[in-house]
C-alpha atoms as a PDB file:
ATOM      1  CA  UNK A   1      37.013 -22.892 127.541  1.00  0.00           C
ATOM      2  CA  UNK A   2      35.222 -22.875 124.192  1.00  0.00           C
ATOM      3  CA  UNK A   3      31.530 -23.581 123.802  1.00  0.00           C
ATOM      4  CA  UNK A   4      30.673 -24.365 120.204  1.00  0.00           C
ATOM      5  CA  UNK A   5      27.206 -24.272 118.743  1.00  0.00           C
ATOM      6  CA  UNK A   6      25.626 -22.278 121.579  1.00  0.00           C
ATOM      7  CA  UNK A   7      25.707 -18.794 120.078  1.00  0.00           C
ATOM      8  CA  UNK A   8      28.422 -16.336 119.126  1.00  0.00           C
ATOM      9  CA  UNK A   9      29.776 -16.826 122.654  1.00  0.00           C
ATOM     10  CA  UNK A  10      28.506 -13.553 124.036  1.00  0.00           C
ATOM     11  CA  UNK A  11      25.743 -15.013 126.208  1.00  0.00           C
ATOM     12  CA  UNK A  12      27.830 -17.996 127.307  1.00  0.00           C
ATOM     13  CA  UNK A  13      30.694 -15.631 128.074  1.00  0.00           C
ATOM     14  CA  UNK A  14      28.354 -13.329 129.967  1.00  0.00           C
ATOM     15  CA  UNK A  15      27.303 -16.204 132.238  1.00  0.00           C
ATOM     16  CA  UNK A  16      30.832 -17.491 132.775  1.00  0.00           C
ATOM     17  CA  UNK A  17      32.190 -14.013 133.594  1.00  0.00           C
ATOM     18  CA  UNK A  18      29.275 -13.234 135.902  1.00  0.00           C
ATOM     19  CA  UNK A  19      29.945  -9.516 135.532  1.00  0.00           C
ATOM     20  CA  UNK A  20      26.513  -8.397 134.358  1.00  0.00           C
ATOM     21  CA  UNK A  21      23.555  -8.254 136.724  1.00  0.00           C
ATOM     22  CA  UNK A  22      21.803 -11.176 135.020  1.00  0.00           C
ATOM     23  CA  UNK A  23      25.021 -13.208 134.734  1.00  0.00           C
ATOM     24  CA  UNK A  24      25.795 -12.719 138.432  1.00  0.00           C
ATOM     25  CA  UNK A  25      22.216 -13.584 139.406  1.00  0.00           C
ATOM     26  CA  UNK A  26      22.303 -16.760 137.308  1.00  0.00           C
ATOM     27  CA  UNK A  27      25.533 -17.857 138.991  1.00  0.00           C
ATOM     28  CA  UNK A  28      24.150 -17.428 142.528  1.00  0.00           C
ATOM     29  CA  UNK A  29      22.454 -20.831 142.381  1.00  0.00           C
ATOM     30  CA  UNK A  30      25.577 -22.648 141.180  1.00  0.00           C
ATOM     31  CA  UNK A  31      27.246 -23.301 144.599  1.00  0.00           C
ATOM     32  CA  UNK A  32      23.980 -24.423 146.197  1.00  0.00           C
ATOM     33  CA  UNK A  33      23.190 -26.907 143.422  1.00  0.00           C
ATOM     34  CA  UNK A  34      26.748 -28.267 143.396  1.00  0.00           C
ATOM     35  CA  UNK A  35      26.587 -28.647 147.191  1.00  0.00           C
ATOM     36  CA  UNK A  36      23.353 -30.626 146.990  1.00  0.00           C
ATOM     37  CA  UNK A  37      24.755 -33.020 144.378  1.00  0.00           C
ATOM     38  CA  UNK A  38      27.876 -34.803 145.620  1.00  0.00           C
ATOM     39  CA  UNK A  39      29.908 -36.196 142.765  1.00  0.00           C
ATOM     40  CA  UNK A  40      28.495 -33.742 140.223  1.00  0.00           C
ATOM     41  CA  UNK A  41      30.861 -32.989 137.370  1.00  0.00           C
ATOM     42  CA  UNK A  42      31.406 -29.291 138.042  1.00  0.00           C
ATOM     43  CA  UNK A  43      32.840 -28.561 134.601  1.00  0.00           C
ATOM     44  CA  UNK A  44      29.923 -30.194 132.796  1.00  0.00           C
ATOM     45  CA  UNK A  45      27.434 -28.465 135.076  1.00  0.00           C
ATOM     46  CA  UNK A  46      29.114 -25.090 134.532  1.00  0.00           C
ATOM     47  CA  UNK A  47      28.943 -25.520 130.756  1.00  0.00           C
ATOM     48  CA  UNK A  48      25.346 -26.741 130.854  1.00  0.00           C
ATOM     49  CA  UNK A  49      24.398 -23.772 133.045  1.00  0.00           C
ATOM     50  CA  UNK A  50      26.063 -21.355 130.639  1.00  0.00           C
ATOM     51  CA  UNK A  51      24.203 -22.874 127.707  1.00  0.00           C
ATOM     52  CA  UNK A  52      20.893 -22.806 129.619  1.00  0.00           C
ATOM     53  CA  UNK A  53      21.555 -19.117 130.297  1.00  0.00           C
ATOM     54  CA  UNK A  54      22.128 -18.539 126.571  1.00  0.00           C
ATOM     55  CA  UNK A  55      18.893 -20.396 125.750  1.00  0.00           C
ATOM     56  CA  UNK A  56      16.954 -18.251 128.217  1.00  0.00           C
ATOM     57  CA  UNK A  57      18.255 -14.893 127.010  1.00  0.00           C
ATOM     58  CA  UNK A  58      18.759 -15.463 123.277  1.00  0.00           C
ATOM     59  CA  UNK A  59      16.193 -14.089 120.838  1.00  0.00           C
ATOM     60  CA  UNK A  60      13.672 -16.694 119.676  1.00  0.00           C
ATOM     61  CA  UNK A  61      14.994 -16.352 116.131  1.00  0.00           C
ATOM     62  CA  UNK A  62      18.511 -17.459 117.172  1.00  0.00           C
ATOM     63  CA  UNK A  63      17.768 -21.184 116.949  1.00  0.00           C
ATOM     64  CA  UNK A  64      19.457 -21.836 120.293  1.00  0.00           C
ATOM     65  CA  UNK A  65      17.951 -24.735 122.224  1.00  0.00           C
ATOM     66  CA  UNK A  66      17.629 -28.472 122.550  1.00  0.00           C
ATOM     67  CA  UNK A  67      19.690 -31.214 124.107  1.00  0.00           C
ATOM     68  CA  UNK A  68      23.465 -30.912 124.233  1.00  0.00           C
ATOM     69  CA  UNK A  69      26.584 -33.042 124.429  1.00  0.00           C
ATOM     70  CA  UNK A  70      29.497 -31.807 126.523  1.00  0.00           C
ATOM     71  CA  UNK A  71      33.020 -32.988 125.817  1.00  0.00           C
ATOM     72  CA  UNK A  72      36.530 -31.986 126.752  1.00  0.00           C
ATOM     73  CA  UNK A  73      39.302 -31.942 124.186  1.00  0.00           C
ATOM     74  CA  UNK A  74      42.724 -32.099 125.784  1.00  0.00           C
ATOM     75  CA  UNK A  75      45.903 -31.021 124.064  1.00  0.00           C
ATOM     76  CA  UNK A  76      47.006 -34.137 122.206  1.00  0.00           C
ATOM     77  CA  UNK A  77      44.875 -36.338 124.452  1.00  0.00           C
ATOM     78  CA  UNK A  78      41.700 -38.320 124.091  1.00  0.00           C
ATOM     79  CA  UNK A  79      38.192 -36.888 123.976  1.00  0.00           C
ATOM     80  CA  UNK A  80      36.569 -36.943 127.422  1.00  0.00           C
ATOM     81  CA  UNK A  81      32.771 -37.012 127.238  1.00  0.00           C
ATOM     82  CA  UNK A  82      31.303 -35.121 130.184  1.00  0.00           C
ATOM     83  CA  UNK A  83      27.671 -35.484 129.096  1.00  0.00           C
ATOM     84  CA  UNK A  84      26.226 -37.467 126.216  1.00  0.00           C
ATOM     85  CA  UNK A  85      22.654 -37.357 124.913  1.00  0.00           C
ATOM     86  CA  UNK A  86      20.924 -40.728 125.209  1.00  0.00           C
ATOM     87  CA  UNK A  87      20.512 -41.013 121.418  1.00  0.00           C
ATOM     88  CA  UNK A  88      24.253 -40.465 120.982  1.00  0.00           C
ATOM     89  CA  UNK A  89      25.177 -43.229 123.452  1.00  0.00           C
ATOM     90  CA  UNK A  90      23.691 -45.846 121.158  1.00  0.00           C
END
C-alpha cells in the first residue's frame, strides 16, 4: 500500500505497522469502529485512519492536513475510488 501526499510515509507507516506505543494505541479503536459500521470500506477507513494519525503527530510546519481522496490503483486495471471529496465529485 502506498499513501501519497501524506508525509514521507514514516507516520503513515508507523500507524499501519502498529509497532510503536502510539501506533498500537491508535489502532485499538479500529475494530470497534468497523464493528459499529456495517458495510464500511475497511481499506478506505484504514487509509483515512493512517492519514489522520499522520495529521495528529506531524509537526505543524509539515503542511499535512485537509480533506483527502482515497483511490485504489490495480495492476493494469481501472481506478477504484474509495472516497472522493464532495468538490471532486462535481
